[in-house]
Amino acid sequence: MKKIIFLLFISICLFSCSKSNPIENKKDIDKMLNLWHQAAAEANFENYFKLMTEDAVFIGTDATENWNRKDFENFSKPYFDKGKAWTFHPIQRNIYLDNNSKFAWFDELLDSSFKICRGSGIIENVNGEWKVKHYVLSMTIPNDKSNQVVAIKDSLESILIMELKQTKKKFLN
């Protein structure tokens, strides 16, 4: 009887450990993110969006680009239909896991038509599959060039800032 209980205990431990192996989870997440970027580069709409959760959020480089999945699908569909979405080649990626291996978060540097971009996001384990839940894409700006970039953005974004502040007031009331 003691042998059976011991074997059962060992089996449970091995099963639990194999399901929450951080190294394997990070490899799986890395592979999934590469497939996600590849699907965009190949303009494969179905493969791209199946790697996102149903309640996913995508935040783009423009201040107005904050989409839920459905809105992002609608925005993206014409690009995918033309056979040309976007191409991001990962240069560097860091992946972090929560203690239960239910969620992960990451940051990455990407080679793109915008030159170096930064992506960051949250990944959720949904029924044993890692999926993008929240993604933020941003362009990097060299510190010594930031004043020039701010000058370019000033006239456009000053108006947007005022509009967003008005929206915030309405939202808070």
C-alpha atoms as a PDB file:
ATOM      1  CA  MET A   1       0.000   0.000   0.000  1.00  0.00           C
ATOM      2  CA  LYS A   2       2.845   2.390   0.863  1.00  0.00           C
ATOM      3  CA  LYS A   3       4.428   1.657  -2.533  1.00  0.00           C
ATOM      4  CA  ILE A   4       1.204   2.511  -4.347  1.00  0.00           C
ATOM      5  CA  ILE A   5       0.810   5.783  -2.470  1.00  0.00           C
ATOM      6  CA  PHE A   6       4.473   6.635  -3.079  1.00  0.00           C
ATOM      7  CA  LEU A   7       4.172   5.873  -6.823  1.00  0.00           C
ATOM      8  CA  LEU A   8       0.971   7.894  -7.037  1.00  0.00           C
ATOM      9  CA  PHE A   9       2.677  10.807  -5.280  1.00  0.00           C
ATOM     10  CA  ILE A  10       5.676  10.652  -7.632  1.00  0.00           C
ATOM     11  CA  SER A  11       3.384  10.455 -10.682  1.00  0.00           C
ATOM     12  CA  ILE A  12       1.426  13.503  -9.586  1.00  0.00           C
ATOM     13  CA  CYS A  13       4.630  15.455  -8.944  1.00  0.00           C
ATOM     14  CA  LEU A  14       6.086  14.542 -12.335  1.00  0.00           C
ATOM     15  CA  PHE A  15       2.862  15.451 -14.124  1.00  0.00           C
ATOM     16  CA  SER A  16       2.624  18.780 -12.312  1.00  0.00           C
ATOM     17  CA  CYS A  17       6.260  19.630 -12.936  1.00  0.00           C
ATOM     18  CA  SER A  18       6.081  18.783 -16.622  1.00  0.00           C
ATOM     19  CA  LYS A  19       3.068  21.062 -17.129  1.00  0.00           C
ATOM     20  CA  SER A  20       4.684  24.089 -15.513  1.00  0.00           C
ATOM     21  CA  ASN A  21       8.230  23.786 -16.796  1.00  0.00           C
ATOM     22  CA  PRO A  22       9.292  27.441 -17.236  1.00  0.00           C
ATOM     23  CA  ILE A  23      11.921  26.671 -19.873  1.00  0.00           C
ATOM     24  CA  GLU A  24       9.482  24.677 -22.020  1.00  0.00           C
ATOM     25  CA  ASN A  25       6.779  27.317 -21.558  1.00  0.00           C
ATOM     26  CA  LYS A  26       9.169  30.050 -22.668  1.00  0.00           C
ATOM     27  CA  LYS A  27      10.145  28.012 -25.726  1.00  0.00           C
ATOM     28  CA  ASP A  28       6.463  27.480 -26.560  1.00  0.00           C
ATOM     29  CA  ILE A  29       5.724  31.185 -26.153  1.00  0.00           C
ATOM     30  CA  ASP A  30       8.728  32.160 -28.272  1.00  0.00           C
ATOM     31  CA  LYS A  31       7.590  29.777 -30.999  1.00  0.00           C
ATOM     32  CA  MET A  32       4.001  31.069 -30.832  1.00  0.00           C
ATOM     33  CA  LEU A  33       5.114  34.704 -31.103  1.00  0.00           C
ATOM     34  CA  ASN A  34       7.317  33.845 -34.082  1.00  0.00           C
ATOM     35  CA  LEU A  35       4.360  32.109 -35.745  1.00  0.00           C
ATOM     36  CA  TRP A  36       2.147  35.109 -34.975  1.00  0.00           C
ATOM     37  CA  HIS A  37       4.606  37.516 -36.632  1.00  0.00           C
ATOM     38  CA  GLN A  38       5.069  35.073 -39.523  1.00  0.00           C
ATOM     39  CA  ALA A  39       1.299  34.888 -40.106  1.00  0.00           C
ATOM     40  CA  ALA A  40       1.211  38.693 -40.444  1.00  0.00           C
ATOM     41  CA  ALA A  41       4.186  38.672 -42.823  1.00  0.00           C
ATOM     42  CA  GLU A  42       2.435  36.025 -44.944  1.00  0.00           C
ATOM     43  CA  ALA A  43      -0.890  37.912 -44.687  1.00  0.00           C
ATOM     44  CA  ASN A  44      -2.525  34.825 -43.189  1.00  0.00           C
ATOM     45  CA  PHE A  45      -5.506  36.386 -41.424  1.00  0.00           C
ATOM     46  CA  GLU A  46      -6.842  33.166 -39.899  1.00  0.00           C
ATOM     47  CA  ASN A  47      -3.514  32.010 -38.454  1.00  0.00           C
ATOM     48  CA  TYR A  48      -2.740  35.485 -37.139  1.00  0.00           C
ATOM     49  CA  PHE A  49      -5.980  35.975 -35.240  1.00  0.00           C
ATOM     50  CA  LYS A  50      -6.283  32.416 -33.953  1.00  0.00           C
ATOM     51  CA  LEU A  51      -3.136  33.125 -31.926  1.00  0.00           C
ATOM     52  CA  MET A  52      -4.957  35.894 -30.047  1.00  0.00           C
ATOM     53  CA  THR A  53      -7.475  35.519 -27.224  1.00  0.00           C
ATOM     54  CA  GLU A  54     -11.094  36.389 -27.939  1.00  0.00           C
ATOM     55  CA  ASP A  55     -10.790  39.472 -25.699  1.00  0.00           C
ATOM     56  CA  ALA A  56      -7.376  40.529 -27.047  1.00  0.00           C
ATOM     57  CA  VAL A  57      -6.286  44.165 -27.270  1.00  0.00           C
ATOM     58  CA  PHE A  58      -3.827  45.539 -29.839  1.00  0.00           C
ATOM     59  CA  ILE A  59      -2.275  48.965 -29.302  1.00  0.00           C
ATOM     60  CA  GLY A  60      -0.496  50.378 -32.334  1.00  0.00           C
ATOM     61  CA  THR A  61       2.058  53.125 -32.831  1.00  0.00           C
ATOM     62  CA  ASP A  62      -0.484  55.891 -33.427  1.00  0.00           C
ATOM     63  CA  ALA A  63      -2.075  57.381 -30.293  1.00  0.00           C
ATOM     64  CA  THR A  64      -5.528  56.557 -31.686  1.00  0.00           C
ATOM     65  CA  GLU A  65      -4.760  52.865 -32.222  1.00  0.00           C
ATOM     66  CA  ASN A  66      -6.245  51.035 -29.239  1.00  0.00           C
ATOM     67  CA  TRP A  67      -8.331  48.174 -30.606  1.00  0.00           C
ATOM     68  CA  ASN A  68     -10.235  45.269 -29.169  1.00  0.00           C
ATOM     69  CA  ARG A  69      -9.809  42.137 -31.247  1.00  0.00           C
ATOM     70  CA  LYS A  70     -12.941  42.602 -33.367  1.00  0.00           C
ATOM     71  CA  ASP A  71     -12.066  46.206 -34.249  1.00  0.00           C
ATOM     72  CA  PHE A  72      -8.477  45.193 -34.989  1.00  0.00           C
ATOM     73  CA  GLU A  73      -9.717  42.405 -37.277  1.00  0.00           C
ATOM     74  CA  ASN A  74     -11.878  44.933 -39.141  1.00  0.00           C
ATOM     75  CA  PHE A  75      -8.977  47.380 -39.457  1.00  0.00           C
ATOM     76  CA  SER A  76      -6.519  44.663 -40.533  1.00  0.00           C
ATOM     77  CA  LYS A  77      -8.684  42.673 -42.940  1.00  0.00           C
ATOM     78  CA  PRO A  78      -8.103  44.896 -46.013  1.00  0.00           C
ATOM     79  CA  TYR A  79      -4.328  44.635 -45.535  1.00  0.00           C
ATOM     80  CA  PHE A  80      -4.455  40.860 -45.197  1.00  0.00           C
ATOM     81  CA  ASP A  81      -6.830  40.613 -48.184  1.00  0.00           C
ATOM     82  CA  LYS A  82      -4.323  42.520 -50.341  1.00  0.00           C
ATOM     83  CA  GLY A  83      -1.675  39.949 -49.372  1.00  0.00           C
ATOM     84  CA  LYS A  84       0.424  42.542 -47.548  1.00  0.00           C
ATOM     85  CA  ALA A  85      -0.005  42.985 -43.823  1.00  0.00           C
ATOM     86  CA  TRP A  86       3.183  43.826 -41.881  1.00  0.00           C
ATOM     87  CA  THR A  87       6.524  42.193 -41.278  1.00  0.00           C
ATOM     88  CA  PHE A  88       8.286  42.185 -37.923  1.00  0.00           C
ATOM     89  CA  HIS A  89      11.486  40.218 -37.463  1.00  0.00           C
ATOM     90  CA  PRO A  90      12.347  39.638 -33.794  1.00  0.00           C
ATOM     91  CA  ILE A  91      15.839  40.788 -32.875  1.00  0.00           C
ATOM     92  CA  GLN A  92      15.634  40.269 -29.127  1.00  0.00           C
ATOM     93  CA  ARG A  93      12.956  38.952 -26.776  1.00  0.00           C
ATOM     94  CA  ASN A  94      12.499  38.592 -23.009  1.00  0.00           C
ATOM     95  CA  ILE A  95       9.747  36.348 -21.629  1.00  0.00           C
ATOM     96  CA  TYR A  96       8.543  36.202 -18.035  1.00  0.00           C
ATOM     97  CA  LEU A  97       6.078  33.747 -16.455  1.00  0.00           C
ATOM     98  CA  ASP A  98       3.746  33.949 -13.481  1.00  0.00           C
ATOM     99  CA  ASN A  99       4.071  31.246 -10.823  1.00  0.00           C
ATOM    100  CA  ASN A 100       1.098  29.264 -12.149  1.00  0.00           C
ATOM    101  CA  SER A 101       2.110  29.349 -15.838  1.00  0.00           C
ATOM    102  CA  LYS A 102      -1.300  30.812 -16.690  1.00  0.00           C
ATOM    103  CA  PHE A 103       0.050  34.169 -17.843  1.00  0.00           C
ATOM    104  CA  ALA A 104       3.304  35.436 -19.282  1.00  0.00           C
ATOM    105  CA  TRP A 105       4.517  38.842 -20.335  1.00  0.00           C
ATOM    106  CA  PHE A 106       7.239  39.793 -22.736  1.00  0.00           C
ATOM    107  CA  ASP A 107       9.075  42.581 -24.474  1.00  0.00           C
ATOM    108  CA  GLU A 108      10.797  42.361 -27.817  1.00  0.00           C
ATOM    109  CA  LEU A 109      12.783  44.451 -30.248  1.00  0.00           C
ATOM    110  CA  LEU A 110      11.700  44.067 -33.853  1.00  0.00           C
ATOM    111  CA  ASP A 111      13.265  44.869 -37.223  1.00  0.00           C
ATOM    112  CA  SER A 112      10.486  46.388 -39.325  1.00  0.00           C
ATOM    113  CA  SER A 113       9.688  48.931 -42.020  1.00  0.00           C
ATOM    114  CA  PHE A 114       9.671  51.456 -39.132  1.00  0.00           C
ATOM    115  CA  LYS A 115      13.246  50.304 -38.373  1.00  0.00           C
ATOM    116  CA  ILE A 116      13.527  49.153 -34.737  1.00  0.00           C
ATOM    117  CA  CYS A 117      10.194  48.828 -32.959  1.00  0.00           C
ATOM    118  CA  ARG A 118       9.400  47.559 -29.494  1.00  0.00           C
ATOM    119  CA  GLY A 119       6.612  45.136 -28.872  1.00  0.00           C
ATOM    120  CA  SER A 120       5.398  44.163 -25.447  1.00  0.00           C
ATOM    121  CA  GLY A 121       2.483  42.161 -24.296  1.00  0.00           C
ATOM    122  CA  ILE A 122       0.670  39.700 -22.131  1.00  0.00           C
ATOM    123  CA  ILE A 123       0.199  36.078 -23.100  1.00  0.00           C
ATOM    124  CA  GLU A 124      -2.479  33.805 -21.647  1.00  0.00           C
ATOM    125  CA  ASN A 125      -2.512  30.028 -21.520  1.00  0.00           C
ATOM    126  CA  VAL A 126      -5.942  29.125 -22.917  1.00  0.00           C
ATOM    127  CA  ASN A 127      -6.708  25.407 -22.712  1.00  0.00           C
ATOM    128  CA  GLY A 128      -3.030  24.514 -23.015  1.00  0.00           C
ATOM    129  CA  GLU A 129      -2.292  26.976 -25.849  1.00  0.00           C
ATOM    130  CA  TRP A 130      -0.436  30.254 -25.411  1.00  0.00           C
ATOM    131  CA  LYS A 131      -2.245  33.219 -27.007  1.00  0.00           C
ATOM    132  CA  VAL A 132      -1.656  36.954 -27.238  1.00  0.00           C
ATOM    133  CA  LYS A 133      -4.022  38.761 -24.872  1.00  0.00           C
ATOM    134  CA  HIS A 134      -2.585  42.272 -24.998  1.00  0.00           C
ATOM    135  CA  TYR A 135       0.021  43.675 -27.393  1.00  0.00           C
ATOM    136  CA  VAL A 136       1.622  47.109 -27.566  1.00  0.00           C
ATOM    137  CA  LEU A 137       3.721  48.150 -30.563  1.00  0.00           C
ATOM    138  CA  SER A 138       5.843  51.278 -30.316  1.00  0.00           C
ATOM    139  CA  MET A 139       8.538  52.932 -32.361  1.00  0.00           C
ATOM    140  CA  THR A 140      11.831  53.557 -30.649  1.00  0.00           C
ATOM    141  CA  ILE A 141      13.348  57.028 -30.709  1.00  0.00           C
ATOM    142  CA  PRO A 142      17.041  57.624 -30.043  1.00  0.00           C
ATOM    143  CA  ASN A 143      17.302  59.916 -27.019  1.00  0.00           C
ATOM    144  CA  ASP A 144      19.471  62.451 -28.840  1.00  0.00           C
ATOM    145  CA  LYS A 145      16.782  62.800 -31.560  1.00  0.00           C
ATOM    146  CA  SER A 146      13.740  63.039 -29.302  1.00  0.00           C
ATOM    147  CA  ASN A 147      13.522  66.867 -29.493  1.00  0.00           C
ATOM    148  CA  GLN A 148      13.309  66.684 -33.291  1.00  0.00           C
ATOM    149  CA  VAL A 149      10.596  64.021 -33.123  1.00  0.00           C
ATOM    150  CA  VAL A 150       8.602  66.015 -30.546  1.00  0.00           C
ATOM    151  CA  ALA A 151       8.774  69.063 -32.846  1.00  0.00           C
ATOM    152  CA  ILE A 152       7.329  67.007 -35.712  1.00  0.00           C
ATOM    153  CA  LYS A 153       4.556  65.601 -33.514  1.00  0.00           C
ATOM    154  CA  ASP A 154       3.727  68.872 -31.753  1.00  0.00           C
ATOM    155  CA  SER A 155       1.139  70.401 -34.075  1.00  0.00           C
ATOM    156  CA  LEU A 156      -0.732  67.136 -34.642  1.00  0.00           C
ATOM    157  CA  GLU A 157      -0.664  65.738 -31.157  1.00  0.00           C
ATOM    158  CA  SER A 158      -1.361  68.991 -29.307  1.00  0.00           C
ATOM    159  CA  ILE A 159      -4.842  68.928 -30.856  1.00  0.00           C
ATOM    160  CA  LEU A 160      -5.256  65.241 -30.047  1.00  0.00           C
ATOM    161  CA  ILE A 161      -4.190  65.835 -26.435  1.00  0.00           C
ATOM    162  CA  MET A 162      -6.947  68.443 -26.026  1.00  0.00           C
ATOM    163  CA  GLU A 163      -9.520  66.082 -27.569  1.00  0.00           C
ATOM    164  CA  LEU A 164      -8.432  63.198 -25.356  1.00  0.00           C
ATOM    165  CA  LYS A 165      -8.565  65.367 -22.241  1.00  0.00           C
ATOM    166  CA  GLN A 166     -12.159  66.298 -23.118  1.00  0.00           C
ATOM    167  CA  THR A 167     -13.004  62.610 -23.595  1.00  0.00           C
ATOM    168  CA  LYS A 168     -11.373  61.819 -20.251  1.00  0.00           C
ATOM    169  CA  LYS A 169     -13.526  64.424 -18.507  1.00  0.00           C
ATOM    170  CA  LYS A 170     -16.641  62.900 -20.038  1.00  0.00           C
ATOM    171  CA  PHE A 171     -15.498  59.415 -19.070  1.00  0.00           C
ATOM    172  CA  LEU A 172     -14.851  60.410 -15.460  1.00  0.00           C
ATOM    173  CA  ASN A 173     -18.254  62.129 -15.046  1.00  0.00           C
END
